[in-house]
Amino acid sequence: MTAPTSGRDDATLRGAVVLVVAIVIGLALLWRSGDGGSTEASDTTTAATSTELDGSQPADPTQSTLAPIDTGGPPPTESSEPAGPDDTRAPEAVTAIVLNGSEVIGAAADNDGQLKAAGYTTIAAANANADLPVTTIYAGPEFQADAEAVRGVLGLPDAVIADKPEEPLGDGAEMADIVVVLGGDIGGG
């Protein structure tokens, strides 16, 4: 008489299913890491996964506790290159304000409308605390690539991109990631 094998067959089937699922997840991770997309989506996925597993929030969602996957290629390198156009966030993830530092009436509202049409989150246009001779786009270091994208959307190729100062630039500017201060170079003054 032979021993029943259904228990062993069930274990083999479960093992095969776990192996297939692991391979699919591994391939999906490799595909995502090679797509050149933004890190925001993967950070959100890591944070959501951590929360689902143990109910806690990670201290820093940009720091993953997952071990790197060895793809057999060369090791990753740190880039000292300045942020490029691929490092921009989705427009709706960037808050911008346009301040009028020129004598052109309605210029800030017109440019605010262009940013809204491009999908940016905007704070109501206002006047700048001081007039500027040259249009300047202020942003923190992490938003420099986004500031360049805003310069392109507004069609202001000569606008200066500068670090956002501590002092207030105008009403609402402290709440914005990017502050566009239109200067006298836009015409009319």
N, C-alpha and C. Protein backbone atom coordinates (compact mmCIF):
# COMPACT_ATOMS: atom_id res chain seq x y z
N MET A 1 0.84 -1.17 0.00
CA MET A 1 0.00 0.00 0.00
C MET A 1 0.90 1.25 0.00
N THR A 2 0.54 2.30 -0.74
CA THR A 2 1.34 3.51 -0.83
C THR A 2 0.76 4.60 0.05
N ALA A 3 1.61 5.49 0.52
CA ALA A 3 1.18 6.59 1.39
C ALA A 3 0.48 7.65 0.55
N PRO A 4 -0.50 8.34 1.13
CA PRO A 4 -1.19 9.41 0.38
C PRO A 4 -0.21 10.54 0.07
N THR A 5 -0.34 11.14 -1.12
CA THR A 5 0.57 12.20 -1.56
C THR A 5 -0.11 13.56 -1.68
N SER A 6 -1.38 13.66 -1.30
CA SER A 6 -2.08 14.94 -1.51
C SER A 6 -1.46 16.05 -0.68
N GLY A 7 -0.98 15.79 0.53
CA GLY A 7 -0.33 16.81 1.35
C GLY A 7 0.93 17.32 0.70
N ARG A 8 1.73 16.42 0.15
CA ARG A 8 2.96 16.79 -0.52
C ARG A 8 2.65 17.55 -1.81
N ASP A 9 1.63 17.14 -2.55
CA ASP A 9 1.24 17.82 -3.78
C ASP A 9 0.74 19.23 -3.49
N ASP A 10 -0.03 19.41 -2.39
CA ASP A 10 -0.50 20.74 -2.02
C ASP A 10 0.67 21.67 -1.68
N ALA A 11 1.63 21.15 -0.94
CA ALA A 11 2.80 21.94 -0.57
C ALA A 11 3.60 22.32 -1.81
N THR A 12 3.75 21.39 -2.74
CA THR A 12 4.47 21.66 -3.98
C THR A 12 3.75 22.73 -4.79
N LEU A 13 2.43 22.65 -4.87
CA LEU A 13 1.63 23.64 -5.61
C LEU A 13 1.75 25.00 -4.95
N ARG A 14 1.63 25.06 -3.62
CA ARG A 14 1.77 26.35 -2.93
C ARG A 14 3.15 26.94 -3.16
N GLY A 15 4.18 26.12 -3.10
CA GLY A 15 5.54 26.59 -3.35
C GLY A 15 5.70 27.14 -4.75
N ALA A 16 5.10 26.46 -5.72
CA ALA A 16 5.18 26.91 -7.11
C ALA A 16 4.47 28.26 -7.27
N VAL A 17 3.32 28.42 -6.63
CA VAL A 17 2.56 29.68 -6.72
C VAL A 17 3.37 30.81 -6.09
N VAL A 18 3.97 30.57 -4.92
CA VAL A 18 4.79 31.59 -4.27
C VAL A 18 5.97 31.97 -5.16
N LEU A 19 6.59 31.00 -5.78
CA LEU A 19 7.72 31.26 -6.67
C LEU A 19 7.29 32.11 -7.86
N VAL A 20 6.17 31.80 -8.47
CA VAL A 20 5.67 32.56 -9.62
C VAL A 20 5.36 34.00 -9.20
N VAL A 21 4.70 34.16 -8.06
CA VAL A 21 4.38 35.51 -7.57
C VAL A 21 5.66 36.29 -7.31
N ALA A 22 6.67 35.67 -6.70
CA ALA A 22 7.93 36.35 -6.44
C ALA A 22 8.61 36.77 -7.73
N ILE A 23 8.57 35.93 -8.74
CA ILE A 23 9.17 36.27 -10.03
C ILE A 23 8.44 37.43 -10.67
N VAL A 24 7.12 37.43 -10.63
CA VAL A 24 6.32 38.53 -11.21
C VAL A 24 6.62 39.83 -10.49
N ILE A 25 6.68 39.79 -9.16
CA ILE A 25 7.00 41.01 -8.40
C ILE A 25 8.41 41.49 -8.74
N GLY A 26 9.35 40.58 -8.81
CA GLY A 26 10.72 40.95 -9.16
C GLY A 26 10.81 41.59 -10.54
N LEU A 27 10.13 41.01 -11.50
CA LEU A 27 10.13 41.59 -12.86
C LEU A 27 9.47 42.96 -12.87
N ALA A 28 8.38 43.10 -12.12
CA ALA A 28 7.70 44.40 -12.05
C ALA A 28 8.62 45.45 -11.44
N LEU A 29 9.35 45.09 -10.39
CA LEU A 29 10.29 46.03 -9.78
C LEU A 29 11.41 46.40 -10.74
N LEU A 30 11.93 45.42 -11.45
CA LEU A 30 12.98 45.71 -12.43
C LEU A 30 12.46 46.61 -13.54
N TRP A 31 11.27 46.37 -13.98
CA TRP A 31 10.68 47.18 -15.05
C TRP A 31 10.49 48.61 -14.56
N ARG A 32 9.98 48.78 -13.33
CA ARG A 32 9.77 50.12 -12.78
C ARG A 32 11.07 50.86 -12.60
N SER A 33 12.12 50.17 -12.16
CA SER A 33 13.39 50.85 -11.91
C SER A 33 14.06 51.26 -13.21
N GLY A 34 13.73 50.66 -14.29
CA GLY A 34 14.36 50.99 -15.57
C GLY A 34 13.54 51.92 -16.43
N ASP A 35 12.37 52.41 -15.93
CA ASP A 35 11.51 53.20 -16.81
C ASP A 35 11.86 54.68 -16.82
N GLY A 36 12.82 55.14 -15.99
CA GLY A 36 13.22 56.54 -16.01
C GLY A 36 12.15 57.44 -15.46
N GLY A 37 11.13 56.91 -14.81
CA GLY A 37 10.03 57.71 -14.28
C GLY A 37 10.43 58.42 -13.01
N SER A 38 9.49 59.09 -12.42
CA SER A 38 9.77 59.87 -11.23
C SER A 38 9.88 58.96 -10.02
N THR A 39 10.62 59.43 -9.03
CA THR A 39 10.76 58.66 -7.80
C THR A 39 9.58 58.86 -6.89
N GLU A 40 8.74 59.84 -7.16
CA GLU A 40 7.58 60.07 -6.30
C GLU A 40 6.69 58.85 -6.22
N ALA A 41 6.42 58.21 -7.35
CA ALA A 41 5.52 57.07 -7.33
C ALA A 41 6.12 55.93 -6.54
N SER A 42 7.43 55.68 -6.68
CA SER A 42 8.02 54.58 -5.92
C SER A 42 8.11 54.92 -4.45
N ASP A 43 8.34 56.20 -4.10
CA ASP A 43 8.34 56.59 -2.69
C ASP A 43 6.98 56.36 -2.08
N THR A 44 5.93 56.72 -2.80
CA THR A 44 4.58 56.54 -2.32
C THR A 44 4.29 55.05 -2.14
N THR A 45 4.73 54.22 -3.08
CA THR A 45 4.50 52.79 -2.98
C THR A 45 5.23 52.23 -1.77
N THR A 46 6.48 52.64 -1.55
CA THR A 46 7.22 52.16 -0.40
C THR A 46 6.54 52.55 0.90
N ALA A 47 6.10 53.82 0.99
CA ALA A 47 5.43 54.28 2.20
C ALA A 47 4.13 53.52 2.42
N ALA A 48 3.36 53.32 1.36
CA ALA A 48 2.08 52.62 1.49
C ALA A 48 2.32 51.18 1.89
N THR A 49 3.31 50.52 1.32
CA THR A 49 3.59 49.14 1.66
C THR A 49 4.02 49.04 3.12
N SER A 50 4.86 49.94 3.58
CA SER A 50 5.31 49.90 4.96
C SER A 50 4.13 50.09 5.90
N THR A 51 3.24 51.01 5.58
CA THR A 51 2.07 51.26 6.41
C THR A 51 1.15 50.05 6.43
N GLU A 52 0.96 49.41 5.29
CA GLU A 52 0.07 48.26 5.24
C GLU A 52 0.63 47.09 6.03
N LEU A 53 1.94 46.93 6.05
CA LEU A 53 2.52 45.77 6.71
C LEU A 53 2.52 45.88 8.23
N ASP A 54 2.93 47.04 8.77
CA ASP A 54 3.02 47.11 10.21
C ASP A 54 2.23 48.25 10.83
N GLY A 55 1.49 49.02 10.03
CA GLY A 55 0.63 50.08 10.55
C GLY A 55 1.38 51.34 10.94
N SER A 56 2.68 51.43 10.64
CA SER A 56 3.43 52.62 11.01
C SER A 56 3.85 53.37 9.76
N GLN A 57 4.23 54.61 9.96
CA GLN A 57 4.73 55.43 8.86
C GLN A 57 6.25 55.40 8.89
N PRO A 58 6.91 55.28 7.74
CA PRO A 58 8.37 55.32 7.74
C PRO A 58 8.85 56.72 8.11
N ALA A 59 10.00 56.81 8.76
CA ALA A 59 10.53 58.10 9.17
C ALA A 59 10.83 58.97 7.96
N ASP A 60 11.34 58.40 6.91
CA ASP A 60 11.68 59.15 5.71
C ASP A 60 11.29 58.30 4.51
N PRO A 61 10.21 58.68 3.79
CA PRO A 61 9.75 57.83 2.69
C PRO A 61 10.75 57.70 1.55
N THR A 62 11.79 58.54 1.51
CA THR A 62 12.78 58.39 0.45
C THR A 62 13.83 57.36 0.81
N GLN A 63 13.82 56.88 2.05
CA GLN A 63 14.77 55.87 2.49
C GLN A 63 14.06 54.53 2.53
N SER A 64 14.41 53.65 1.67
CA SER A 64 13.79 52.33 1.60
C SER A 64 14.58 51.35 2.44
N THR A 65 13.86 50.43 3.07
CA THR A 65 14.52 49.38 3.83
C THR A 65 14.69 48.13 2.98
N LEU A 66 14.30 48.19 1.72
CA LEU A 66 14.42 47.05 0.83
C LEU A 66 15.86 46.94 0.33
N ALA A 67 16.36 45.73 0.25
CA ALA A 67 17.70 45.50 -0.27
C ALA A 67 17.69 45.70 -1.77
N PRO A 68 18.76 46.27 -2.33
CA PRO A 68 18.81 46.44 -3.78
C PRO A 68 18.81 45.09 -4.49
N ILE A 69 18.22 45.06 -5.66
CA ILE A 69 18.18 43.84 -6.46
C ILE A 69 19.38 43.85 -7.39
N ASP A 70 20.15 42.76 -7.37
CA ASP A 70 21.31 42.64 -8.23
C ASP A 70 20.84 42.23 -9.62
N THR A 71 20.97 43.15 -10.57
CA THR A 71 20.54 42.88 -11.94
C THR A 71 21.70 42.42 -12.81
N GLY A 72 22.89 42.30 -12.21
CA GLY A 72 24.04 41.85 -12.97
C GLY A 72 24.72 42.97 -13.73
N GLY A 73 24.15 44.16 -13.71
CA GLY A 73 24.74 45.29 -14.42
C GLY A 73 25.73 46.01 -13.53
N PRO A 74 26.26 47.13 -14.02
CA PRO A 74 27.22 47.89 -13.23
C PRO A 74 26.51 48.49 -12.00
N PRO A 75 27.25 48.74 -10.92
CA PRO A 75 26.62 49.30 -9.73
C PRO A 75 26.12 50.71 -10.00
N PRO A 76 25.04 51.13 -9.31
CA PRO A 76 24.54 52.48 -9.51
C PRO A 76 25.56 53.51 -9.03
N THR A 77 25.56 54.67 -9.65
CA THR A 77 26.49 55.72 -9.26
C THR A 77 25.70 56.96 -8.87
N GLU A 78 26.29 57.75 -7.99
CA GLU A 78 25.69 59.01 -7.61
C GLU A 78 25.99 60.02 -8.71
N SER A 79 25.01 60.82 -9.05
CA SER A 79 25.19 61.81 -10.11
C SER A 79 25.42 63.17 -9.48
N SER A 80 26.42 63.88 -9.95
CA SER A 80 26.64 65.24 -9.49
C SER A 80 26.13 66.23 -10.53
N GLU A 81 25.44 65.72 -11.52
CA GLU A 81 24.88 66.55 -12.57
C GLU A 81 23.76 67.42 -11.99
N PRO A 82 23.61 68.65 -12.47
CA PRO A 82 22.48 69.45 -12.03
C PRO A 82 21.17 68.82 -12.50
N ALA A 83 20.10 69.17 -11.83
CA ALA A 83 18.79 68.63 -12.18
C ALA A 83 18.47 68.96 -13.63
N GLY A 84 17.97 67.99 -14.34
CA GLY A 84 17.60 68.19 -15.73
C GLY A 84 16.11 68.18 -15.89
N PRO A 85 15.61 68.30 -17.12
CA PRO A 85 14.18 68.37 -17.35
C PRO A 85 13.45 67.10 -16.92
N ASP A 86 14.16 65.96 -16.85
CA ASP A 86 13.52 64.73 -16.41
C ASP A 86 13.30 64.70 -14.90
N ASP A 87 13.90 65.65 -14.17
CA ASP A 87 13.78 65.70 -12.72
C ASP A 87 12.62 66.57 -12.26
N THR A 88 11.80 67.01 -13.17
CA THR A 88 10.68 67.86 -12.79
C THR A 88 9.55 67.01 -12.23
N ARG A 89 8.77 67.64 -11.39
CA ARG A 89 7.58 66.99 -10.83
C ARG A 89 6.43 67.20 -11.79
N ALA A 90 5.36 66.46 -11.57
CA ALA A 90 4.14 66.71 -12.33
C ALA A 90 3.65 68.12 -11.97
N PRO A 91 3.16 68.89 -12.93
CA PRO A 91 2.75 70.27 -12.63
C PRO A 91 1.81 70.38 -11.43
N GLU A 92 0.86 69.45 -11.30
CA GLU A 92 -0.09 69.55 -10.19
C GLU A 92 0.57 69.33 -8.83
N ALA A 93 1.80 68.84 -8.80
CA ALA A 93 2.52 68.63 -7.55
C ALA A 93 3.36 69.85 -7.16
N VAL A 94 3.31 70.91 -7.97
CA VAL A 94 4.09 72.11 -7.72
C VAL A 94 3.13 73.28 -7.49
N THR A 95 3.37 74.01 -6.39
CA THR A 95 2.57 75.19 -6.09
C THR A 95 3.36 76.42 -6.52
N ALA A 96 2.73 77.28 -7.30
CA ALA A 96 3.41 78.46 -7.81
C ALA A 96 2.56 79.70 -7.58
N ILE A 97 3.22 80.83 -7.52
CA ILE A 97 2.53 82.12 -7.44
C ILE A 97 3.23 83.07 -8.39
N VAL A 98 2.47 83.93 -9.04
CA VAL A 98 3.03 84.96 -9.91
C VAL A 98 2.77 86.30 -9.25
N LEU A 99 3.85 87.05 -9.04
CA LEU A 99 3.76 88.37 -8.43
C LEU A 99 4.16 89.41 -9.47
N ASN A 100 3.45 90.52 -9.46
CA ASN A 100 3.75 91.58 -10.43
C ASN A 100 4.73 92.55 -9.82
N GLY A 101 5.94 92.54 -10.34
CA GLY A 101 6.98 93.48 -9.94
C GLY A 101 7.29 94.41 -11.11
N SER A 102 6.29 94.58 -11.98
CA SER A 102 6.44 95.45 -13.15
C SER A 102 5.32 96.48 -13.09
N GLU A 103 5.30 97.35 -14.08
CA GLU A 103 4.23 98.35 -14.16
C GLU A 103 3.13 97.93 -15.12
N VAL A 104 3.18 96.70 -15.60
CA VAL A 104 2.17 96.20 -16.54
C VAL A 104 0.97 95.68 -15.75
N ILE A 105 -0.13 96.39 -15.85
CA ILE A 105 -1.34 96.02 -15.10
C ILE A 105 -1.90 94.70 -15.65
N GLY A 106 -2.19 93.76 -14.74
CA GLY A 106 -2.78 92.48 -15.11
C GLY A 106 -1.79 91.42 -15.56
N ALA A 107 -0.50 91.74 -15.59
CA ALA A 107 0.50 90.78 -16.08
C ALA A 107 0.56 89.54 -15.20
N ALA A 108 0.47 89.72 -13.89
CA ALA A 108 0.56 88.57 -12.98
C ALA A 108 -0.63 87.64 -13.19
N ALA A 109 -1.82 88.21 -13.32
CA ALA A 109 -3.02 87.39 -13.53
C ALA A 109 -2.95 86.63 -14.84
N ASP A 110 -2.45 87.28 -15.90
CA ASP A 110 -2.31 86.60 -17.20
C ASP A 110 -1.37 85.40 -17.10
N ASN A 111 -0.23 85.59 -16.45
CA ASN A 111 0.75 84.51 -16.31
C ASN A 111 0.25 83.42 -15.37
N ASP A 112 -0.51 83.81 -14.34
CA ASP A 112 -1.12 82.83 -13.45
C ASP A 112 -2.06 81.93 -14.26
N GLY A 113 -2.81 82.51 -15.17
CA GLY A 113 -3.72 81.74 -16.02
C GLY A 113 -2.97 80.73 -16.88
N GLN A 114 -1.79 81.11 -17.38
CA GLN A 114 -0.98 80.19 -18.18
C GLN A 114 -0.50 78.99 -17.34
N LEU A 115 -0.11 79.27 -16.09
CA LEU A 115 0.33 78.18 -15.21
C LEU A 115 -0.82 77.25 -14.87
N LYS A 116 -1.99 77.82 -14.61
CA LYS A 116 -3.17 76.99 -14.32
C LYS A 116 -3.51 76.11 -15.52
N ALA A 117 -3.46 76.69 -16.71
CA ALA A 117 -3.77 75.93 -17.93
C ALA A 117 -2.77 74.78 -18.13
N ALA A 118 -1.54 74.96 -17.65
CA ALA A 118 -0.52 73.92 -17.78
C ALA A 118 -0.63 72.88 -16.66
N GLY A 119 -1.56 73.08 -15.73
CA GLY A 119 -1.79 72.10 -14.67
C GLY A 119 -1.14 72.40 -13.33
N TYR A 120 -0.46 73.54 -13.21
CA TYR A 120 0.18 73.88 -11.94
C TYR A 120 -0.87 74.30 -10.92
N THR A 121 -0.58 74.02 -9.66
CA THR A 121 -1.40 74.51 -8.55
C THR A 121 -0.92 75.93 -8.28
N THR A 122 -1.84 76.90 -8.32
CA THR A 122 -1.40 78.28 -8.15
C THR A 122 -2.08 78.93 -6.96
N ILE A 123 -1.38 79.91 -6.42
CA ILE A 123 -1.90 80.78 -5.39
C ILE A 123 -2.26 82.08 -6.12
N ALA A 124 -3.33 82.74 -5.70
CA ALA A 124 -3.82 83.94 -6.39
C ALA A 124 -2.69 84.94 -6.64
N ALA A 125 -2.62 85.41 -7.88
CA ALA A 125 -1.62 86.39 -8.28
C ALA A 125 -1.76 87.64 -7.43
N ALA A 126 -0.63 88.29 -7.18
CA ALA A 126 -0.61 89.49 -6.34
C ALA A 126 0.52 90.39 -6.81
N ASN A 127 0.68 91.51 -6.12
CA ASN A 127 1.79 92.41 -6.41
C ASN A 127 3.01 91.99 -5.59
N ALA A 128 4.18 92.19 -6.17
CA ALA A 128 5.42 91.92 -5.46
C ALA A 128 5.68 93.05 -4.47
N ASN A 129 6.47 92.76 -3.45
CA ASN A 129 6.82 93.78 -2.46
C ASN A 129 7.74 94.84 -3.04
N ALA A 130 8.41 94.53 -4.15
CA ALA A 130 9.31 95.48 -4.79
C ALA A 130 9.30 95.24 -6.30
N ASP A 131 9.49 96.33 -7.06
CA ASP A 131 9.59 96.19 -8.50
C ASP A 131 10.98 95.67 -8.85
N LEU A 132 11.05 94.84 -9.88
CA LEU A 132 12.33 94.29 -10.33
C LEU A 132 12.58 94.72 -11.77
N PRO A 133 13.82 94.95 -12.14
CA PRO A 133 14.11 95.27 -13.53
C PRO A 133 14.01 94.04 -14.44
N VAL A 134 14.32 92.85 -13.90
CA VAL A 134 14.34 91.62 -14.68
C VAL A 134 13.45 90.58 -14.00
N THR A 135 12.64 89.89 -14.80
CA THR A 135 11.79 88.83 -14.27
C THR A 135 12.66 87.77 -13.63
N THR A 136 12.28 87.37 -12.40
CA THR A 136 13.06 86.40 -11.64
C THR A 136 12.12 85.31 -11.12
N ILE A 137 12.56 84.07 -11.27
CA ILE A 137 11.79 82.93 -10.78
C ILE A 137 12.57 82.36 -9.60
N TYR A 138 11.93 82.41 -8.43
CA TYR A 138 12.57 81.95 -7.20
C TYR A 138 12.09 80.54 -6.85
N ALA A 139 13.05 79.70 -6.44
CA ALA A 139 12.72 78.33 -6.04
C ALA A 139 13.81 77.82 -5.13
N GLY A 140 13.43 76.91 -4.24
CA GLY A 140 14.41 76.24 -3.40
C GLY A 140 15.22 75.28 -4.25
N PRO A 141 16.32 74.75 -3.72
CA PRO A 141 17.19 73.86 -4.49
C PRO A 141 16.46 72.65 -5.07
N GLU A 142 15.49 72.12 -4.36
CA GLU A 142 14.78 70.93 -4.83
C GLU A 142 13.78 71.24 -5.93
N PHE A 143 13.52 72.52 -6.20
CA PHE A 143 12.55 72.90 -7.22
C PHE A 143 13.20 73.64 -8.40
N GLN A 144 14.53 73.58 -8.53
CA GLN A 144 15.20 74.29 -9.62
C GLN A 144 14.77 73.79 -11.00
N ALA A 145 14.67 72.48 -11.17
CA ALA A 145 14.24 71.93 -12.47
C ALA A 145 12.80 72.35 -12.76
N ASP A 146 11.97 72.39 -11.72
CA ASP A 146 10.58 72.82 -11.91
C ASP A 146 10.52 74.30 -12.29
N ALA A 147 11.43 75.11 -11.71
CA ALA A 147 11.48 76.54 -12.05
C ALA A 147 11.83 76.72 -13.52
N GLU A 148 12.73 75.88 -14.02
CA GLU A 148 13.07 75.95 -15.45
C GLU A 148 11.86 75.56 -16.31
N ALA A 149 11.09 74.60 -15.86
CA ALA A 149 9.89 74.20 -16.59
C ALA A 149 8.87 75.34 -16.60
N VAL A 150 8.72 76.02 -15.46
CA VAL A 150 7.79 77.16 -15.38
C VAL A 150 8.25 78.27 -16.32
N ARG A 151 9.56 78.52 -16.36
CA ARG A 151 10.10 79.54 -17.27
C ARG A 151 9.70 79.22 -18.71
N GLY A 152 9.76 77.93 -19.07
CA GLY A 152 9.36 77.52 -20.42
C GLY A 152 7.87 77.68 -20.66
N VAL A 153 7.06 77.29 -19.69
CA VAL A 153 5.60 77.40 -19.82
C VAL A 153 5.19 78.85 -20.02
N LEU A 154 5.83 79.75 -19.28
CA LEU A 154 5.48 81.17 -19.37
C LEU A 154 6.14 81.87 -20.56
N GLY A 155 7.02 81.18 -21.26
CA GLY A 155 7.68 81.78 -22.42
C GLY A 155 8.58 82.94 -22.02
N LEU A 156 9.32 82.75 -20.92
CA LEU A 156 10.21 83.78 -20.42
C LEU A 156 11.65 83.26 -20.43
N PRO A 157 12.23 83.07 -21.62
CA PRO A 157 13.56 82.45 -21.69
C PRO A 157 14.66 83.25 -21.02
N ASP A 158 14.47 84.55 -20.86
CA ASP A 158 15.50 85.39 -20.24
C ASP A 158 15.31 85.58 -18.74
N ALA A 159 14.25 85.00 -18.19
CA ALA A 159 14.01 85.13 -16.76
C ALA A 159 15.15 84.48 -15.98
N VAL A 160 15.54 85.12 -14.92
CA VAL A 160 16.60 84.61 -14.04
C VAL A 160 15.98 83.61 -13.07
N ILE A 161 16.67 82.51 -12.82
CA ILE A 161 16.23 81.55 -11.81
C ILE A 161 17.17 81.70 -10.63
N ALA A 162 16.57 81.96 -9.45
CA ALA A 162 17.36 82.21 -8.25
C ALA A 162 16.80 81.44 -7.06
N ASP A 163 17.63 81.29 -6.04
CA ASP A 163 17.17 80.65 -4.81
C ASP A 163 16.13 81.53 -4.13
N LYS A 164 15.13 80.88 -3.58
CA LYS A 164 14.05 81.58 -2.89
C LYS A 164 14.62 82.20 -1.61
N PRO A 165 14.47 83.53 -1.45
CA PRO A 165 15.04 84.19 -0.28
C PRO A 165 14.18 83.99 0.97
N GLU A 166 14.75 84.29 2.11
CA GLU A 166 14.03 84.21 3.39
C GLU A 166 12.99 85.32 3.49
N GLU A 167 13.34 86.52 3.02
CA GLU A 167 12.43 87.67 3.15
C GLU A 167 11.22 87.50 2.22
N PRO A 168 10.08 88.02 2.65
CA PRO A 168 8.86 87.85 1.84
C PRO A 168 8.95 88.61 0.51
N LEU A 169 8.46 87.96 -0.52
CA LEU A 169 8.48 88.57 -1.86
C LEU A 169 7.14 89.21 -2.20
N GLY A 170 6.10 88.81 -1.50
CA GLY A 170 4.75 89.33 -1.74
C GLY A 170 3.75 88.43 -1.05
N ASP A 171 2.50 88.88 -0.99
CA ASP A 171 1.45 88.12 -0.32
C ASP A 171 1.30 86.72 -0.91
N GLY A 172 1.40 85.70 -0.07
CA GLY A 172 1.21 84.31 -0.49
C GLY A 172 2.47 83.61 -0.96
N ALA A 173 3.54 84.36 -1.16
CA ALA A 173 4.77 83.76 -1.70
C ALA A 173 5.38 82.72 -0.77
N GLU A 174 5.20 82.90 0.53
CA GLU A 174 5.80 81.95 1.49
C GLU A 174 5.18 80.56 1.37
N MET A 175 3.97 80.45 0.80
CA MET A 175 3.30 79.16 0.66
C MET A 175 3.61 78.46 -0.66
N ALA A 176 4.34 79.11 -1.53
CA ALA A 176 4.58 78.57 -2.87
C ALA A 176 5.95 77.90 -2.97
N ASP A 177 6.01 76.84 -3.79
CA ASP A 177 7.28 76.19 -4.09
C ASP A 177 8.10 77.05 -5.05
N ILE A 178 7.38 77.71 -5.97
CA ILE A 178 8.01 78.55 -6.99
C ILE A 178 7.32 79.91 -6.99
N VAL A 179 8.13 80.96 -6.97
CA VAL A 179 7.61 82.34 -6.98
C VAL A 179 8.14 83.03 -8.23
N VAL A 180 7.23 83.44 -9.11
CA VAL A 180 7.61 84.18 -10.31
C VAL A 180 7.34 85.65 -10.03
N VAL A 181 8.40 86.47 -10.09
CA VAL A 181 8.23 87.91 -9.92
C VAL A 181 8.51 88.54 -11.28
N LEU A 182 7.44 89.05 -11.88
CA LEU A 182 7.56 89.66 -13.20
C LEU A 182 8.26 91.01 -13.05
N GLY A 183 9.24 91.24 -13.90
CA GLY A 183 10.03 92.49 -13.83
C GLY A 183 9.72 93.42 -14.98
N GLY A 184 10.41 94.54 -14.97
CA GLY A 184 10.23 95.58 -15.99
C GLY A 184 10.56 95.10 -17.39
N ASP A 185 11.28 93.99 -17.51
CA ASP A 185 11.66 93.48 -18.83
C ASP A 185 10.49 92.90 -19.61
N ILE A 186 9.32 92.74 -18.98
CA ILE A 186 8.18 92.20 -19.72
C ILE A 186 7.48 93.26 -20.56
N GLY A 187 7.93 94.50 -20.42
CA GLY A 187 7.38 95.56 -21.26
C GLY A 187 6.49 96.51 -20.48
N GLY A 188 6.26 97.66 -21.05
CA GLY A 188 5.34 98.63 -20.47
C GLY A 188 5.96 99.47 -19.39
N GLY A 189 7.20 99.28 -19.03
CA GLY A 189 7.74 100.10 -17.94
C GLY A 189 9.15 100.11 -17.99
